[in-house]
Protein backbone atom coordinates (compact mmCIF):
# COMPACT_ATOMS: atom_id res chain seq x y z
CA UNK A 1 -4.06 -38.99 -3.61
CA UNK A 2 -1.90 -35.89 -2.96
CA UNK A 3 -2.08 -34.06 0.33
CA UNK A 4 -2.17 -30.06 0.15
CA UNK A 5 0.80 -28.36 1.57
CA UNK A 6 0.10 -26.21 4.43
CA UNK A 7 0.00 -22.69 3.65
CA UNK A 8 1.76 -20.26 5.84
CA UNK A 9 0.97 -16.45 5.84
CA UNK A 10 2.53 -14.01 7.99
CA UNK A 11 2.00 -9.89 8.43
CA UNK A 12 5.02 -8.40 10.03
CA UNK A 13 6.66 -4.82 10.11
CA UNK A 14 9.51 -4.56 7.23
CA UNK A 15 13.07 -5.23 8.00
CA UNK A 16 16.19 -3.78 5.94
CA UNK A 17 16.63 -7.18 3.99
CA UNK A 18 12.77 -6.97 2.69
CA UNK A 19 13.98 -3.99 0.16
CA UNK A 20 14.54 -5.94 -2.95
CA UNK A 21 11.98 -8.69 -2.33
CA UNK A 22 8.83 -6.02 -1.92
CA UNK A 23 10.25 -3.72 -4.49
CA UNK A 24 10.02 -6.60 -6.98
CA UNK A 25 6.64 -7.26 -5.76
CA UNK A 26 5.62 -3.94 -6.61
CA UNK A 27 7.27 -4.02 -10.02
CA UNK A 28 5.73 -7.37 -11.12
CA UNK A 29 2.12 -6.14 -9.92
CA UNK A 30 2.64 -2.78 -11.34
CA UNK A 31 3.55 -4.60 -14.45
CA UNK A 32 0.52 -6.98 -14.42
CA UNK A 33 -1.73 -4.08 -14.26
CA UNK A 34 0.28 -1.83 -16.91
CA UNK A 35 1.20 0.71 -14.26
CA UNK A 36 4.56 1.97 -15.60
CA UNK A 37 7.04 4.29 -14.27
CA UNK A 38 6.74 6.65 -17.15
CA UNK A 39 3.14 7.46 -16.26
CA UNK A 40 4.18 8.52 -12.72
CA UNK A 41 2.93 5.61 -10.81
CA UNK A 42 4.66 3.97 -7.54
CA UNK A 43 7.25 2.07 -9.69
CA UNK A 44 8.91 5.62 -10.58
CA UNK A 45 9.45 6.31 -6.90
CA UNK A 46 13.17 7.20 -6.04
CA UNK A 47 12.74 5.45 -2.55
CA UNK A 48 11.06 2.28 -3.90
CA UNK A 49 14.35 -0.06 -3.45
CA UNK A 50 14.81 1.50 0.08
CA UNK A 51 11.12 1.26 1.70
CA UNK A 52 12.39 -0.07 4.98
CA UNK A 53 14.35 3.18 5.68
CA UNK A 54 11.55 5.17 4.03
CA UNK A 55 9.17 3.60 6.73
CA UNK A 56 11.49 3.74 9.73
CA UNK A 57 10.76 7.74 9.68
CA UNK A 58 8.55 9.21 12.45
CA UNK A 59 4.68 8.53 11.90
CA UNK A 60 5.40 6.04 9.33
CA UNK A 61 4.78 2.10 9.19
CA UNK A 62 4.96 -0.74 6.46
CA UNK A 63 4.29 -4.10 6.77
CA UNK A 64 4.95 -6.94 4.42
CA UNK A 65 3.19 -10.30 3.88
CA UNK A 66 5.02 -13.26 3.55
CA UNK A 67 3.61 -16.70 2.08
CA UNK A 68 5.40 -19.40 2.97
CA UNK A 69 8.39 -17.53 4.08
CA UNK A 70 8.77 -15.54 0.55
CA UNK A 71 7.44 -11.90 0.69
CA UNK A 72 4.50 -11.44 -1.55
CA UNK A 73 2.87 -8.48 -0.78
CA UNK A 74 2.81 -5.35 1.54
CA UNK A 75 1.51 -1.93 2.31
CA UNK A 76 2.17 1.09 4.44
CA UNK A 77 1.24 4.53 5.89
CA UNK A 78 3.18 7.93 6.23
CA UNK A 79 2.41 11.54 6.62
CA UNK A 80 1.06 12.86 3.15
CA UNK A 81 3.84 15.13 1.81
CA UNK A 82 2.76 18.77 1.24
CA UNK A 83 -0.54 18.49 3.17
CA UNK A 84 -1.74 19.41 6.61
CA UNK A 85 -0.09 17.42 9.22
CA UNK A 86 -3.35 15.86 10.27
CA UNK A 87 -3.14 13.78 6.79
CA UNK A 88 -1.72 10.70 6.17
CA UNK A 89 -1.62 8.47 2.89
CA UNK A 90 -2.18 4.82 2.41
CA UNK A 91 1.00 3.65 0.43
CA UNK A 92 2.09 1.15 -1.59
CA UNK A 93 -0.76 -1.67 -1.15
CA UNK A 94 0.55 -4.60 -3.66
CA UNK A 95 0.07 -8.15 -3.28
CA UNK A 96 1.04 -10.93 -5.57
CA UNK A 97 -2.16 -12.93 -7.39
CA UNK A 98 -1.32 -15.86 -4.78
CA UNK A 99 -2.22 -13.44 -1.76
CA UNK A 100 -5.52 -11.94 -3.51
CA UNK A 101 -9.03 -13.01 -2.36
CA UNK A 102 -8.25 -14.01 1.17
CA UNK A 103 -8.87 -10.73 3.00
CA UNK A 104 -5.24 -9.83 3.53
CA UNK A 105 -5.56 -6.29 1.86
CA UNK A 106 -8.50 -5.26 4.19
CA UNK A 107 -6.27 -6.77 7.29
CA UNK A 108 -3.63 -4.60 6.30
CA UNK A 109 -5.56 -1.63 5.38
CA UNK A 110 -7.11 -1.92 8.85
CA UNK A 111 -3.68 -2.36 10.56
CA UNK A 112 -2.24 1.04 8.56
CA UNK A 113 -5.65 2.74 9.24
CA UNK A 114 -5.26 2.08 13.14
CA UNK A 115 -1.54 3.04 13.13
CA UNK A 116 -2.43 6.13 11.73
CA UNK A 117 -4.90 6.91 14.58
CA UNK A 118 -2.45 6.13 16.94
CA UNK A 119 -0.02 8.57 15.28
CA UNK A 120 -2.72 11.38 15.51
CA UNK A 121 -3.68 11.65 12.05
CA UNK A 122 -7.23 12.62 11.53
CA UNK A 123 -7.56 11.79 7.61
CA UNK A 124 -6.09 9.05 5.48
CA UNK A 125 -5.89 9.69 1.89
CA UNK A 126 -5.13 7.35 -0.81
CA UNK A 127 -4.47 7.61 -4.80
CA UNK A 128 -5.27 4.62 -7.33
CA UNK A 129 -6.32 4.12 -10.71
CA UNK A 130 -9.41 3.10 -12.12
CA UNK A 131 -8.32 -0.04 -13.45
CA UNK A 132 -7.68 -1.38 -9.92
CA UNK A 133 -11.56 -1.92 -9.57
CA UNK A 134 -10.97 -4.35 -6.62
CA UNK A 135 -8.88 -2.21 -4.69
CA UNK A 136 -11.30 0.56 -5.06
CA UNK A 137 -14.10 -1.58 -3.95
CA UNK A 138 -12.29 -2.58 -0.87
CA UNK A 139 -11.43 1.13 0.09
CA UNK A 140 -14.97 2.10 -0.49
CA UNK A 141 -16.03 -0.45 1.78
CA UNK A 142 -13.53 0.55 4.65
CA UNK A 143 -15.13 3.84 4.44
CA UNK A 144 -13.00 5.73 2.01
CA UNK A 145 -15.12 8.60 -0.20
CA UNK A 146 -14.04 9.40 -3.60
CA UNK A 147 -12.97 13.05 -3.22
CA UNK A 148 -12.19 15.89 -6.27
CA UNK A 149 -8.53 16.26 -7.33
CA UNK A 150 -5.10 15.06 -5.51
CA UNK A 151 -4.04 16.35 -2.21
CA UNK A 152 -0.49 16.59 -1.43
CA UNK A 153 2.68 15.89 -3.39
CA UNK A 154 2.56 12.39 -4.36
CA UNK A 155 4.03 12.63 -7.58
CA UNK A 156 1.61 10.03 -9.12
CA UNK A 157 0.50 12.16 -12.03
CA UNK A 158 -1.75 9.41 -13.64
CA UNK A 159 -3.63 8.20 -10.18
CA UNK A 160 -6.78 9.70 -11.32
CA UNK A 161 -8.84 8.03 -8.33
CA UNK A 162 -8.64 10.07 -5.12
CA UNK A 163 -10.08 9.16 -2.04
CA UNK A 164 -10.07 10.32 1.72
CA UNK A 165 -11.14 8.57 5.09
CA UNK A 166 -11.84 10.46 8.32
CA UNK A 167 -10.28 8.44 11.01
């Protein structure tokens, strides 16, 4: 008879030493779904290896999710570049398979939305791709509505699903 090992999950703000680990998670999950840099997805972002510094800016926040002490997911929120001042963007929500199906993406998205409210944002935008059906279903359950065309300047030219939530 074997005893299952205890599972420890921790959601916490990103730290400088997390940069390489969360970039690796984003690259691995992107590859799993065929989201390559040449198509303008997150893996092409110039700040991917410096997320701590990116999300240390005013009105931004990013959280990593640790599974048994190892970074296995994350997500954040930041002002939407090139949009009105009251619009933020839910960004870089990526989870390794070991974290999926446990409600952690919902928890993290709600945390990001609450942060956005406290920062004075009135709307939260996001972009994704149609192949991420579970993510789209989650965003719909959280009250995001599909909108026509992109907002702001994200640089993610192949993200054909655009959604907005009033906060």
